[in-house]
Amino acid sequence: MKRQKGAALVEVAVALPFVVSLFIGLMDFGLYFHQQIYVELGLHDATHAILQDAGVASRPDELLKTAKKAANLANLELKVSREDEFLRVEVVAPIRPLLPGIRYLGYPDRTVSRAYVRIF
């Protein structure tokens, strides 16, 4: 009877770190996708504001101010640059995983979303 209890305790002690790491890894990827949706929403709001204000303000720095106000970007980095008749809007957000070692497995350190807006 004591051997069975001891064997079960050893099995739990061996399996528990793997199970906990698996759940934390799942939470990390869930947080990553949540952050990606947040970035996409910020990009959508920023490009919408740029399209509404494009006729009034033609310089990228003015459009950047308008987009930042409209998108309510707290910890996101927003870049606006002009390329011929297009505006390139880029939103970047840093990501910090719960497991620091997951970066070595290819986990990204930031999420980036870009959109090109054609201005006439």
PDB file of N, CA and C in Angstrom:
ATOM      1  N   MET A   1       0.821  -1.186   0.000  1.00  0.00           N
ATOM      2  CA  MET A   1       0.000   0.000   0.000  1.00  0.00           C
ATOM      3  C   MET A   1       0.870   1.257   0.000  1.00  0.00           C
ATOM      4  N   LYS A   2       1.931   1.246   0.811  1.00  0.00           N
ATOM      5  CA  LYS A   2       2.808   2.404   0.864  1.00  0.00           C
ATOM      6  C   LYS A   2       3.555   2.586  -0.445  1.00  0.00           C
ATOM      7  N   ARG A   3       3.890   1.469  -1.103  1.00  0.00           N
ATOM      8  CA  ARG A   3       4.606   1.571  -2.383  1.00  0.00           C
ATOM      9  C   ARG A   3       3.736   2.223  -3.445  1.00  0.00           C
ATOM     10  N   GLN A   4       2.451   1.921  -3.443  1.00  0.00           N
ATOM     11  CA  GLN A   4       1.547   2.528  -4.419  1.00  0.00           C
ATOM     12  C   GLN A   4       1.421   4.028  -4.186  1.00  0.00           C
ATOM     13  N   LYS A   5       1.348   4.443  -2.924  1.00  0.00           N
ATOM     14  CA  LYS A   5       1.274   5.882  -2.608  1.00  0.00           C
ATOM     15  C   LYS A   5       2.560   6.584  -3.040  1.00  0.00           C
ATOM     16  N   GLY A   6       3.663   5.956  -2.775  1.00  0.00           N
ATOM     17  CA  GLY A   6       4.948   6.538  -3.158  1.00  0.00           C
ATOM     18  C   GLY A   6       5.102   6.621  -4.667  1.00  0.00           C
ATOM     19  N   ALA A   7       4.642   5.585  -5.382  1.00  0.00           N
ATOM     20  CA  ALA A   7       4.721   5.588  -6.845  1.00  0.00           C
ATOM     21  C   ALA A   7       3.829   6.682  -7.430  1.00  0.00           C
ATOM     22  N   ALA A   8       2.645   6.867  -6.872  1.00  0.00           N
ATOM     23  CA  ALA A   8       1.735   7.911  -7.354  1.00  0.00           C
ATOM     24  C   ALA A   8       2.329   9.297  -7.101  1.00  0.00           C
ATOM     25  N   LEU A   9       2.975   9.456  -5.961  1.00  0.00           N
ATOM     26  CA  LEU A   9       3.598  10.745  -5.638  1.00  0.00           C
ATOM     27  C   LEU A   9       4.739  11.051  -6.596  1.00  0.00           C
ATOM     28  N   VAL A  10       5.528  10.060  -6.946  1.00  0.00           N
ATOM     29  CA  VAL A  10       6.621  10.248  -7.899  1.00  0.00           C
ATOM     30  C   VAL A  10       6.072  10.583  -9.277  1.00  0.00           C
ATOM     31  N   GLU A  11       5.001   9.906  -9.693  1.00  0.00           N
ATOM     32  CA  GLU A  11       4.391  10.189 -10.994  1.00  0.00           C
ATOM     33  C   GLU A  11       3.876  11.635 -11.059  1.00  0.00           C
ATOM     34  N   VAL A  12       3.244  12.072 -10.007  1.00  0.00           N
ATOM     35  CA  VAL A  12       2.750  13.453  -9.966  1.00  0.00           C
ATOM     36  C   VAL A  12       3.917  14.431  -9.972  1.00  0.00           C
ATOM     37  N   ALA A  13       4.961  14.133  -9.231  1.00  0.00           N
ATOM     38  CA  ALA A  13       6.123  15.027  -9.174  1.00  0.00           C
ATOM     39  C   ALA A  13       6.822  15.122 -10.527  1.00  0.00           C
ATOM     40  N   VAL A  14       6.805  14.059 -11.313  1.00  0.00           N
ATOM     41  CA  VAL A  14       7.432  14.077 -12.633  1.00  0.00           C
ATOM     42  C   VAL A  14       6.535  14.776 -13.643  1.00  0.00           C
ATOM     43  N   ALA A  15       5.240  14.533 -13.594  1.00  0.00           N
ATOM     44  CA  ALA A  15       4.319  15.055 -14.612  1.00  0.00           C
ATOM     45  C   ALA A  15       3.891  16.505 -14.360  1.00  0.00           C
ATOM     46  N   LEU A  16       3.858  16.937 -13.126  1.00  0.00           N
ATOM     47  CA  LEU A  16       3.331  18.274 -12.798  1.00  0.00           C
ATOM     48  C   LEU A  16       4.075  19.417 -13.477  1.00  0.00           C
ATOM     49  N   PRO A  17       5.399  19.456 -13.522  1.00  0.00           N
ATOM     50  CA  PRO A  17       6.067  20.564 -14.224  1.00  0.00           C
ATOM     51  C   PRO A  17       5.712  20.645 -15.701  1.00  0.00           C
ATOM     52  N   PHE A  18       5.547  19.491 -16.348  1.00  0.00           N
ATOM     53  CA  PHE A  18       5.173  19.505 -17.764  1.00  0.00           C
ATOM     54  C   PHE A  18       3.756  20.026 -17.970  1.00  0.00           C
ATOM     55  N   VAL A  19       2.846  19.626 -17.111  1.00  0.00           N
ATOM     56  CA  VAL A  19       1.452  20.060 -17.227  1.00  0.00           C
ATOM     57  C   VAL A  19       1.343  21.561 -16.952  1.00  0.00           C
ATOM     58  N   VAL A  20       2.025  22.041 -15.941  1.00  0.00           N
ATOM     59  CA  VAL A  20       2.000  23.475 -15.625  1.00  0.00           C
ATOM     60  C   VAL A  20       2.626  24.277 -16.762  1.00  0.00           C
ATOM     61  N   SER A  21       3.737  23.813 -17.298  1.00  0.00           N
ATOM     62  CA  SER A  21       4.370  24.501 -18.437  1.00  0.00           C
ATOM     63  C   SER A  21       3.443  24.526 -19.642  1.00  0.00           C
ATOM     64  N   LEU A  22       2.725  23.444 -19.881  1.00  0.00           N
ATOM     65  CA  LEU A  22       1.790  23.390 -20.989  1.00  0.00           C
ATOM     66  C   LEU A  22       0.680  24.427 -20.821  1.00  0.00           C
ATOM     67  N   PHE A  23       0.107  24.519 -19.638  1.00  0.00           N
ATOM     68  CA  PHE A  23      -0.963  25.485 -19.398  1.00  0.00           C
ATOM     69  C   PHE A  23      -0.462  26.923 -19.484  1.00  0.00           C
ATOM     70  N   ILE A  24       0.723  27.195 -18.973  1.00  0.00           N
ATOM     71  CA  ILE A  24       1.270  28.552 -19.070  1.00  0.00           C
ATOM     72  C   ILE A  24       1.583  28.889 -20.527  1.00  0.00           C
ATOM     73  N   GLY A  25       2.076  27.915 -21.275  1.00  0.00           N
ATOM     74  CA  GLY A  25       2.321  28.135 -22.703  1.00  0.00           C
ATOM     75  C   GLY A  25       1.042  28.418 -23.459  1.00  0.00           C
ATOM     76  N   LEU A  26      -0.021  27.702 -23.147  1.00  0.00           N
ATOM     77  CA  LEU A  26      -1.315  27.977 -23.774  1.00  0.00           C
ATOM     78  C   LEU A  26      -1.806  29.380 -23.430  1.00  0.00           C
ATOM     79  N   MET A  27      -1.609  29.787 -22.190  1.00  0.00           N
ATOM     80  CA  MET A  27      -1.997  31.146 -21.790  1.00  0.00           C
ATOM     81  C   MET A  27      -1.164  32.181 -22.541  1.00  0.00           C
ATOM     82  N   ASP A  28       0.127  31.917 -22.728  1.00  0.00           N
ATOM     83  CA  ASP A  28       0.993  32.831 -23.476  1.00  0.00           C
ATOM     84  C   ASP A  28       0.494  33.044 -24.899  1.00  0.00           C
ATOM     85  N   PHE A  29       0.172  31.962 -25.579  1.00  0.00           N
ATOM     86  CA  PHE A  29      -0.300  32.099 -26.952  1.00  0.00           C
ATOM     87  C   PHE A  29      -1.674  32.757 -27.000  1.00  0.00           C
ATOM     88  N   GLY A  30      -2.502  32.511 -26.004  1.00  0.00           N
ATOM     89  CA  GLY A  30      -3.784  33.211 -25.921  1.00  0.00           C
ATOM     90  C   GLY A  30      -3.587  34.710 -25.743  1.00  0.00           C
ATOM     91  N   LEU A  31      -2.636  35.081 -24.890  1.00  0.00           N
ATOM     92  CA  LEU A  31      -2.338  36.502 -24.699  1.00  0.00           C
ATOM     93  C   LEU A  31      -1.745  37.120 -25.957  1.00  0.00           C
ATOM     94  N   TYR A  32      -0.945  36.347 -26.686  1.00  0.00           N
ATOM     95  CA  TYR A  32      -0.380  36.839 -27.937  1.00  0.00           C
ATOM     96  C   TYR A  32      -1.484  37.150 -28.939  1.00  0.00           C
ATOM     97  N   PHE A  33      -2.428  36.228 -29.090  1.00  0.00           N
ATOM     98  CA  PHE A  33      -3.504  36.461 -30.045  1.00  0.00           C
ATOM     99  C   PHE A  33      -4.415  37.598 -29.596  1.00  0.00           C
ATOM    100  N   HIS A  34      -4.604  37.740 -28.292  1.00  0.00           N
ATOM    101  CA  HIS A  34      -5.367  38.878 -27.778  1.00  0.00           C
ATOM    102  C   HIS A  34      -4.668  40.188 -28.134  1.00  0.00           C
ATOM    103  N   GLN A  35      -3.356  40.234 -27.973  1.00  0.00           N
ATOM    104  CA  GLN A  35      -2.589  41.428 -28.317  1.00  0.00           C
ATOM    105  C   GLN A  35      -2.659  41.706 -29.815  1.00  0.00           C
ATOM    106  N   GLN A  36      -2.633  40.661 -30.628  1.00  0.00           N
ATOM    107  CA  GLN A  36      -2.725  40.838 -32.079  1.00  0.00           C
ATOM    108  C   GLN A  36      -4.074  41.440 -32.464  1.00  0.00           C
ATOM    109  N   ILE A  37      -5.139  41.008 -31.829  1.00  0.00           N
ATOM    110  CA  ILE A  37      -6.460  41.582 -32.101  1.00  0.00           C
ATOM    111  C   ILE A  37      -6.492  43.045 -31.676  1.00  0.00           C
ATOM    112  N   TYR A  38      -5.881  43.360 -30.542  1.00  0.00           N
ATOM    113  CA  TYR A  38      -5.797  44.739 -30.064  1.00  0.00           C
ATOM    114  C   TYR A  38      -5.043  45.613 -31.065  1.00  0.00           C
ATOM    115  N   VAL A  39      -3.962  45.094 -31.623  1.00  0.00           N
ATOM    116  CA  VAL A  39      -3.176  45.831 -32.616  1.00  0.00           C
ATOM    117  C   VAL A  39      -3.989  46.036 -33.890  1.00  0.00           C
ATOM    118  N   GLU A  40      -4.689  44.997 -34.330  1.00  0.00           N
ATOM    119  CA  GLU A  40      -5.517  45.121 -35.533  1.00  0.00           C
ATOM    120  C   GLU A  40      -6.617  46.163 -35.338  1.00  0.00           C
ATOM    121  N   LEU A  41      -7.220  46.192 -34.160  1.00  0.00           N
ATOM    122  CA  LEU A  41      -8.252  47.179 -33.869  1.00  0.00           C
ATOM    123  C   LEU A  41      -7.673  48.587 -33.875  1.00  0.00           C
ATOM    124  N   GLY A  42      -6.480  48.754 -33.286  1.00  0.00           N
ATOM    125  CA  GLY A  42      -5.812  50.057 -33.309  1.00  0.00           C
ATOM    126  C   GLY A  42      -5.476  50.498 -34.720  1.00  0.00           C
ATOM    127  N   LEU A  43      -5.034  49.557 -35.541  1.00  0.00           N
ATOM    128  CA  LEU A  43      -4.729  49.868 -36.930  1.00  0.00           C
ATOM    129  C   LEU A  43      -5.990  50.271 -37.685  1.00  0.00           C
ATOM    130  N   HIS A  44      -7.079  49.570 -37.457  1.00  0.00           N
ATOM    131  CA  HIS A  44      -8.337  49.907 -38.112  1.00  0.00           C
ATOM    132  C   HIS A  44      -8.785  51.316 -37.733  1.00  0.00           C
ATOM    133  N   ASP A  45      -8.749  51.635 -36.436  1.00  0.00           N
ATOM    134  CA  ASP A  45      -9.160  52.966 -35.993  1.00  0.00           C
ATOM    135  C   ASP A  45      -8.252  54.054 -36.545  1.00  0.00           C
ATOM    136  N   ALA A  46      -6.951  53.774 -36.576  1.00  0.00           N
ATOM    137  CA  ALA A  46      -5.997  54.765 -37.087  1.00  0.00           C
ATOM    138  C   ALA A  46      -6.206  55.018 -38.577  1.00  0.00           C
ATOM    139  N   THR A  47      -6.373  53.961 -39.362  1.00  0.00           N
ATOM    140  CA  THR A  47      -6.575  54.153 -40.799  1.00  0.00           C
ATOM    141  C   THR A  47      -7.920  54.817 -41.080  1.00  0.00           C
ATOM    142  N   HIS A  48      -8.923  54.514 -40.290  1.00  0.00           N
ATOM    143  CA  HIS A  48     -10.223  55.166 -40.455  1.00  0.00           C
ATOM    144  C   HIS A  48     -10.100  56.671 -40.205  1.00  0.00           C
ATOM    145  N   ALA A  49      -9.374  57.041 -39.155  1.00  0.00           N
ATOM    146  CA  ALA A  49      -9.173  58.464 -38.863  1.00  0.00           C
ATOM    147  C   ALA A  49      -8.359  59.139 -39.957  1.00  0.00           C
ATOM    148  N   ILE A  50      -7.381  58.436 -40.495  1.00  0.00           N
ATOM    149  CA  ILE A  50      -6.559  59.004 -41.566  1.00  0.00           C
ATOM    150  C   ILE A  50      -7.403  59.230 -42.813  1.00  0.00           C
ATOM    151  N   LEU A  51      -8.264  58.278 -43.138  1.00  0.00           N
ATOM    152  CA  LEU A  51      -9.108  58.429 -44.321  1.00  0.00           C
ATOM    153  C   LEU A  51     -10.091  59.581 -44.161  1.00  0.00           C
ATOM    154  N   GLN A  52     -10.576  59.800 -42.962  1.00  0.00           N
ATOM    155  CA  GLN A  52     -11.499  60.910 -42.738  1.00  0.00           C
ATOM    156  C   GLN A  52     -10.787  62.248 -42.795  1.00  0.00           C
ATOM    157  N   ASP A  53      -9.525  62.289 -42.382  1.00  0.00           N
ATOM    158  CA  ASP A  53      -8.789  63.542 -42.274  1.00  0.00           C
ATOM    159  C   ASP A  53      -7.792  63.740 -43.406  1.00  0.00           C
ATOM    160  N   ALA A  54      -7.745  62.840 -44.369  1.00  0.00           N
ATOM    161  CA  ALA A  54      -6.705  62.888 -45.406  1.00  0.00           C
ATOM    162  C   ALA A  54      -6.810  64.122 -46.280  1.00  0.00           C
ATOM    163  N   GLY A  55      -7.997  64.614 -46.528  1.00  0.00           N
ATOM    164  CA  GLY A  55      -8.136  65.793 -47.374  1.00  0.00           C
ATOM    165  C   GLY A  55      -7.690  67.061 -46.681  1.00  0.00           C
ATOM    166  N   VAL A  56      -7.812  67.108 -45.374  1.00  0.00           N
ATOM    167  CA  VAL A  56      -7.475  68.314 -44.606  1.00  0.00           C
ATOM    168  C   VAL A  56      -5.980  68.374 -44.319  1.00  0.00           C
ATOM    169  N   ALA A  57      -5.433  67.288 -43.811  1.00  0.00           N
ATOM    170  CA  ALA A  57      -4.016  67.250 -43.428  1.00  0.00           C
ATOM    171  C   ALA A  57      -3.281  66.306 -44.361  1.00  0.00           C
ATOM    172  N   SER A  58      -2.365  66.834 -45.131  1.00  0.00           N
ATOM    173  CA  SER A  58      -1.666  65.980 -46.086  1.00  0.00           C
ATOM    174  C   SER A  58      -0.291  65.553 -45.603  1.00  0.00           C
ATOM    175  N   ARG A  59       0.200  66.153 -44.526  1.00  0.00           N
ATOM    176  CA  ARG A  59       1.523  65.772 -44.024  1.00  0.00           C
ATOM    177  C   ARG A  59       1.384  64.591 -43.066  1.00  0.00           C
ATOM    178  N   PRO A  60       2.308  63.631 -43.151  1.00  0.00           N
ATOM    179  CA  PRO A  60       2.210  62.443 -42.291  1.00  0.00           C
ATOM    180  C   PRO A  60       2.226  62.757 -40.798  1.00  0.00           C
ATOM    181  N   ASP A  61       2.950  63.802 -40.373  1.00  0.00           N
ATOM    182  CA  ASP A  61       2.977  64.100 -38.932  1.00  0.00           C
ATOM    183  C   ASP A  61       1.613  64.583 -38.438  1.00  0.00           C
ATOM    184  N   GLU A  62       0.888  65.319 -39.269  1.00  0.00           N
ATOM    185  CA  GLU A  62      -0.459  65.739 -38.881  1.00  0.00           C
ATOM    186  C   GLU A  62      -1.408  64.534 -38.857  1.00  0.00           C
ATOM    187  N   LEU A  63      -1.255  63.656 -39.844  1.00  0.00           N
ATOM    188  CA  LEU A  63      -2.088  62.456 -39.875  1.00  0.00           C
ATOM    189  C   LEU A  63      -1.781  61.545 -38.692  1.00  0.00           C
ATOM    190  N   LEU A  64      -0.519  61.506 -38.283  1.00  0.00           N
ATOM    191  CA  LEU A  64      -0.113  60.690 -37.137  1.00  0.00           C
ATOM    192  C   LEU A  64      -0.798  61.176 -35.862  1.00  0.00           C
ATOM    193  N   LYS A  65      -0.840  62.488 -35.666  1.00  0.00           N
ATOM    194  CA  LYS A  65      -1.523  63.043 -34.484  1.00  0.00           C
ATOM    195  C   LYS A  65      -3.005  62.683 -34.492  1.00  0.00           C
ATOM    196  N   THR A  66      -3.625  62.817 -35.658  1.00  0.00           N
ATOM    197  CA  THR A  66      -5.045  62.488 -35.780  1.00  0.00           C
ATOM    198  C   THR A  66      -5.283  61.006 -35.499  1.00  0.00           C
ATOM    199  N   ALA A  67      -4.447  60.170 -36.063  1.00  0.00           N
ATOM    200  CA  ALA A  67      -4.614  58.722 -35.882  1.00  0.00           C
ATOM    201  C   ALA A  67      -4.389  58.312 -34.438  1.00  0.00           C
ATOM    202  N   LYS A  68      -3.415  58.889 -33.777  1.00  0.00           N
ATOM    203  CA  LYS A  68      -3.148  58.533 -32.378  1.00  0.00           C
ATOM    204  C   LYS A  68      -4.315  58.929 -31.484  1.00  0.00           C
ATOM    205  N   LYS A  69      -4.894  60.083 -31.764  1.00  0.00           N
ATOM    206  CA  LYS A  69      -6.054  60.509 -30.973  1.00  0.00           C
ATOM    207  C   LYS A  69      -7.231  59.569 -31.188  1.00  0.00           C
ATOM    208  N   ALA A  70      -7.475  59.208 -32.434  1.00  0.00           N
ATOM    209  CA  ALA A  70      -8.645  58.385 -32.752  1.00  0.00           C
ATOM    210  C   ALA A  70      -8.489  56.945 -32.288  1.00  0.00           C
ATOM    211  N   ALA A  71      -7.295  56.404 -32.403  1.00  0.00           N
ATOM    212  CA  ALA A  71      -7.094  54.985 -32.101  1.00  0.00           C
ATOM    213  C   ALA A  71      -6.956  54.703 -30.618  1.00  0.00           C
ATOM    214  N   ASN A  72      -6.702  55.718 -29.806  1.00  0.00           N
ATOM    215  CA  ASN A  72      -6.530  55.535 -28.361  1.00  0.00           C
ATOM    216  C   ASN A  72      -5.474  54.467 -28.088  1.00  0.00           C
ATOM    217  N   LEU A  73      -4.287  54.683 -28.617  1.00  0.00           N
ATOM    218  CA  LEU A  73      -3.207  53.710 -28.525  1.00  0.00           C
ATOM    219  C   LEU A  73      -2.395  53.961 -27.257  1.00  0.00           C
ATOM    220  N   ALA A  74      -2.592  53.113 -26.271  1.00  0.00           N
ATOM    221  CA  ALA A  74      -1.922  53.314 -24.988  1.00  0.00           C
ATOM    222  C   ALA A  74      -0.460  52.897 -25.041  1.00  0.00           C
ATOM    223  N   ASN A  75      -0.196  51.628 -25.291  1.00  0.00           N
ATOM    224  CA  ASN A  75       1.184  51.144 -25.285  1.00  0.00           C
ATOM    225  C   ASN A  75       1.633  50.683 -26.669  1.00  0.00           C
ATOM    226  N   LEU A  76       0.943  51.167 -27.699  1.00  0.00           N
ATOM    227  CA  LEU A  76       1.278  50.777 -29.062  1.00  0.00           C
ATOM    228  C   LEU A  76       2.067  51.885 -29.741  1.00  0.00           C
ATOM    229  N   GLU A  77       2.935  51.487 -30.630  1.00  0.00           N
ATOM    230  CA  GLU A  77       3.717  52.430 -31.416  1.00  0.00           C
ATOM    231  C   GLU A  77       3.071  52.543 -32.791  1.00  0.00           C
ATOM    232  N   LEU A  78       2.807  53.770 -33.220  1.00  0.00           N
ATOM    233  CA  LEU A  78       2.150  54.005 -34.501  1.00  0.00           C
ATOM    234  C   LEU A  78       3.095  54.779 -35.402  1.00  0.00           C
ATOM    235  N   LYS A  79       3.244  54.297 -36.649  1.00  0.00           N
ATOM    236  CA  LYS A  79       4.103  54.969 -37.620  1.00  0.00           C
ATOM    237  C   LYS A  79       3.288  55.240 -38.874  1.00  0.00           C
ATOM    238  N   VAL A  80       3.423  56.454 -39.407  1.00  0.00           N
ATOM    239  CA  VAL A  80       2.768  56.811 -40.658  1.00  0.00           C
ATOM    240  C   VAL A  80       3.828  57.383 -41.580  1.00  0.00           C
ATOM    241  N   SER A  81       3.915  56.837 -42.792  1.00  0.00           N
ATOM    242  CA  SER A  81       4.865  57.358 -43.772  1.00  0.00           C
ATOM    243  C   SER A  81       4.173  57.436 -45.127  1.00  0.00           C
ATOM    244  N   ARG A  82       4.633  58.364 -45.943  1.00  0.00           N
ATOM    245  CA  ARG A  82       4.021  58.554 -47.260  1.00  0.00           C
ATOM    246  C   ARG A  82       4.917  57.951 -48.335  1.00  0.00           C
ATOM    247  N   GLU A  83       4.312  57.157 -49.212  1.00  0.00           N
ATOM    248  CA  GLU A  83       5.011  56.546 -50.337  1.00  0.00           C
ATOM    249  C   GLU A  83       4.174  56.804 -51.587  1.00  0.00           C
ATOM    250  N   ASP A  84       4.566  57.805 -52.365  1.00  0.00           N
ATOM    251  CA  ASP A  84       3.831  58.230 -53.563  1.00  0.00           C
ATOM    252  C   ASP A  84       2.393  58.572 -53.193  1.00  0.00           C
ATOM    253  N   GLU A  85       1.418  57.860 -53.767  1.00  0.00           N
ATOM    254  CA  GLU A  85       0.034  58.182 -53.442  1.00  0.00           C
ATOM    255  C   GLU A  85      -0.514  57.305 -52.322  1.00  0.00           C
ATOM    256  N   PHE A  86       0.358  56.568 -51.657  1.00  0.00           N
ATOM    257  CA  PHE A  86      -0.056  55.694 -50.563  1.00  0.00           C
ATOM    258  C   PHE A  86       0.478  56.209 -49.230  1.00  0.00           C
ATOM    259  N   LEU A  87      -0.278  55.951 -48.184  1.00  0.00           N
ATOM    260  CA  LEU A  87       0.196  56.141 -46.816  1.00  0.00           C
ATOM    261  C   LEU A  87       0.389  54.760 -46.214  1.00  0.00           C
ATOM    262  N   ARG A  88       1.517  54.563 -45.600  1.00  0.00           N
ATOM    263  CA  ARG A  88       1.797  53.295 -44.931  1.00  0.00           C
ATOM    264  C   ARG A  88       1.572  53.514 -43.442  1.00  0.00           C
ATOM    265  N   VAL A  89       0.641  52.781 -42.886  1.00  0.00           N
ATOM    266  CA  VAL A  89       0.317  52.876 -41.459  1.00  0.00           C
ATOM    267  C   VAL A  89       0.765  51.575 -40.810  1.00  0.00           C
ATOM    268  N   GLU A  90       1.550  51.700 -39.747  1.00  0.00           N
ATOM    269  CA  GLU A  90       2.093  50.518 -39.071  1.00  0.00           C
ATOM    270  C   GLU A  90       1.872  50.664 -37.577  1.00  0.00           C
ATOM    271  N   VAL A  91       1.366  49.622 -36.976  1.00  0.00           N
ATOM    272  CA  VAL A  91       1.159  49.589 -35.527  1.00  0.00           C
ATOM    273  C   VAL A  91       2.007  48.453 -34.963  1.00  0.00           C
ATOM    274  N   VAL A  92       2.802  48.763 -33.936  1.00  0.00           N
ATOM    275  CA  VAL A  92       3.710  47.782 -33.315  1.00  0.00           C
ATOM    276  C   VAL A  92       3.424  47.752 -31.815  1.00  0.00           C
ATOM    277  N   ALA A  93       3.354  46.547 -31.267  1.00  0.00           N
ATOM    278  CA  ALA A  93       3.145  46.388 -29.825  1.00  0.00           C
ATOM    279  C   ALA A  93       4.129  45.367 -29.280  1.00  0.00           C
ATOM    280  N   PRO A  94       4.785  45.681 -28.172  1.00  0.00           N
ATOM    281  CA  PRO A  94       5.689  44.692 -27.550  1.00  0.00           C
ATOM    282  C   PRO A  94       4.894  43.605 -26.839  1.00  0.00           C
ATOM    283  N   ILE A  95       5.481  42.427 -26.769  1.00  0.00           N
ATOM    284  CA  ILE A  95       4.842  41.294 -26.095  1.00  0.00           C
ATOM    285  C   ILE A  95       5.830  40.712 -25.088  1.00  0.00           C
ATOM    286  N   ARG A  96       5.362  40.514 -23.861  1.00  0.00           N
ATOM    287  CA  ARG A  96       6.181  39.881 -22.828  1.00  0.00           C
ATOM    288  C   ARG A  96       5.528  38.552 -22.449  1.00  0.00           C
ATOM    289  N   PRO A  97       6.173  37.439 -22.744  1.00  0.00           N
ATOM    290  CA  PRO A  97       5.571  36.141 -22.407  1.00  0.00           C
ATOM    291  C   PRO A  97       5.650  35.858 -20.909  1.00  0.00           C
ATOM    292  N   LEU A  98       4.763  34.990 -20.441  1.00  0.00           N
ATOM    293  CA  LEU A  98       4.780  34.584 -19.035  1.00  0.00           C
ATOM    294  C   LEU A  98       5.979  33.688 -18.737  1.00  0.00           C
ATOM    295  N   LEU A  99       6.335  32.849 -19.711  1.00  0.00           N
ATOM    296  CA  LEU A  99       7.511  31.986 -19.586  1.00  0.00           C
ATOM    297  C   LEU A  99       8.668  32.621 -20.351  1.00  0.00           C
ATOM    298  N   PRO A 100       9.701  33.123 -19.680  1.00  0.00           N
ATOM    299  CA  PRO A 100      10.795  33.791 -20.402  1.00  0.00           C
ATOM    300  C   PRO A 100      11.520  32.874 -21.385  1.00  0.00           C
ATOM    301  N   GLY A 101      11.603  31.599 -21.122  1.00  0.00           N
ATOM    302  CA  GLY A 101      12.327  30.685 -21.987  1.00  0.00           C
ATOM    303  C   GLY A 101      11.617  30.381 -23.291  1.00  0.00           C
ATOM    304  N   ILE A 102      10.368  30.787 -23.410  1.00  0.00           N
ATOM    305  CA  ILE A 102       9.611  30.488 -24.623  1.00  0.00           C
ATOM    306  C   ILE A 102      10.113  31.290 -25.822  1.00  0.00           C
ATOM    307  N   ARG A 103      10.859  32.360 -25.571  1.00  0.00           N
ATOM    308  CA  ARG A 103      11.429  33.156 -26.667  1.00  0.00           C
ATOM    309  C   ARG A 103      12.383  32.319 -27.524  1.00  0.00           C
ATOM    310  N   TYR A 104      13.039  31.361 -26.912  1.00  0.00           N
ATOM    311  CA  TYR A 104      13.984  30.524 -27.658  1.00  0.00           C
ATOM    312  C   TYR A 104      13.281  29.540 -28.582  1.00  0.00           C
ATOM    313  N   LEU A 105      11.994  29.362 -28.390  1.00  0.00           N
ATOM    314  CA  LEU A 105      11.218  28.448 -29.228  1.00  0.00           C
ATOM    315  C   LEU A 105      10.553  29.167 -30.403  1.00  0.00           C
ATOM    316  N   GLY A 106      10.898  30.439 -30.604  1.00  0.00           N
ATOM    317  CA  GLY A 106      10.348  31.172 -31.730  1.00  0.00           C
ATOM    318  C   GLY A 106       9.206  32.101 -31.383  1.00  0.00           C
ATOM    319  N   TYR A 107       8.925  32.307 -30.112  1.00  0.00           N
ATOM    320  CA  TYR A 107       7.856  33.216 -29.701  1.00  0.00           C
ATOM    321  C   TYR A 107       8.268  34.645 -30.038  1.00  0.00           C
ATOM    322  N   PRO A 108       7.425  35.415 -30.695  1.00  0.00           N
ATOM    323  CA  PRO A 108       7.813  36.765 -31.126  1.00  0.00           C
ATOM    324  C   PRO A 108       7.936  37.732 -29.958  1.00  0.00           C
ATOM    325  N   ASP A 109       8.743  38.778 -30.145  1.00  0.00           N
ATOM    326  CA  ASP A 109       8.888  39.793 -29.106  1.00  0.00           C
ATOM    327  C   ASP A 109       7.972  40.987 -29.341  1.00  0.00           C
ATOM    328  N   ARG A 110       7.306  41.013 -30.504  1.00  0.00           N
ATOM    329  CA  ARG A 110       6.357  42.094 -30.793  1.00  0.00           C
ATOM    330  C   ARG A 110       5.381  41.607 -31.853  1.00  0.00           C
ATOM    331  N   THR A 111       4.290  42.309 -31.940  1.00  0.00           N
ATOM    332  CA  THR A 111       3.322  42.032 -32.983  1.00  0.00           C
ATOM    333  C   THR A 111       3.183  43.277 -33.844  1.00  0.00           C
ATOM    334  N   VAL A 112       3.158  43.084 -35.151  1.00  0.00           N
ATOM    335  CA  VAL A 112       3.153  44.190 -36.104  1.00  0.00           C
ATOM    336  C   VAL A 112       1.984  44.010 -37.059  1.00  0.00           C
ATOM    337  N   SER A 113       1.339  45.111 -37.362  1.00  0.00           N
ATOM    338  CA  SER A 113       0.280  45.092 -38.355  1.00  0.00           C
ATOM    339  C   SER A 113       0.449  46.316 -39.242  1.00  0.00           C
ATOM    340  N   ARG A 114       0.329  46.121 -40.561  1.00  0.00           N
ATOM    341  CA  ARG A 114       0.532  47.214 -41.516  1.00  0.00           C
ATOM    342  C   ARG A 114      -0.664  47.333 -42.440  1.00  0.00           C
ATOM    343  N   ALA A 115      -0.900  48.564 -42.877  1.00  0.00           N
ATOM    344  CA  ALA A 115      -1.940  48.815 -43.874  1.00  0.00           C
ATOM    345  C   ALA A 115      -1.459  49.905 -44.797  1.00  0.00           C
ATOM    346  N   TYR A 116      -1.839  49.799 -46.055  1.00  0.00           N
ATOM    347  CA  TYR A 116      -1.526  50.831 -47.042  1.00  0.00           C
ATOM    348  C   TYR A 116      -2.846  51.493 -47.441  1.00  0.00           C
ATOM    349  N   VAL A 117      -2.868  52.810 -47.337  1.00  0.00           N
ATOM    350  CA  VAL A 117      -4.059  53.581 -47.654  1.00  0.00           C
ATOM    351  C   VAL A 117      -3.755  54.429 -48.872  1.00  0.00           C
ATOM    352  N   ARG A 118      -4.583  54.325 -49.902  1.00  0.00           N
ATOM    353  CA  ARG A 118      -4.367  55.108 -51.109  1.00  0.00           C
ATOM    354  C   ARG A 118      -5.080  56.448 -50.957  1.00  0.00           C
ATOM    355  N   ILE A 119      -4.313  57.506 -51.201  1.00  0.00           N
ATOM    356  CA  ILE A 119      -4.843  58.867 -51.085  1.00  0.00           C
ATOM    357  C   ILE A 119      -4.806  59.508 -52.465  1.00  0.00           C
ATOM    358  N   PHE A 120      -5.894  60.098 -52.840  1.00  0.00           N
ATOM    359  CA  PHE A 120      -5.977  60.756 -54.158  1.00  0.00           C
ATOM    360  C   PHE A 120      -5.631  62.225 -54.047  1.00  0.00           C
TER     361      PHE A 120
END
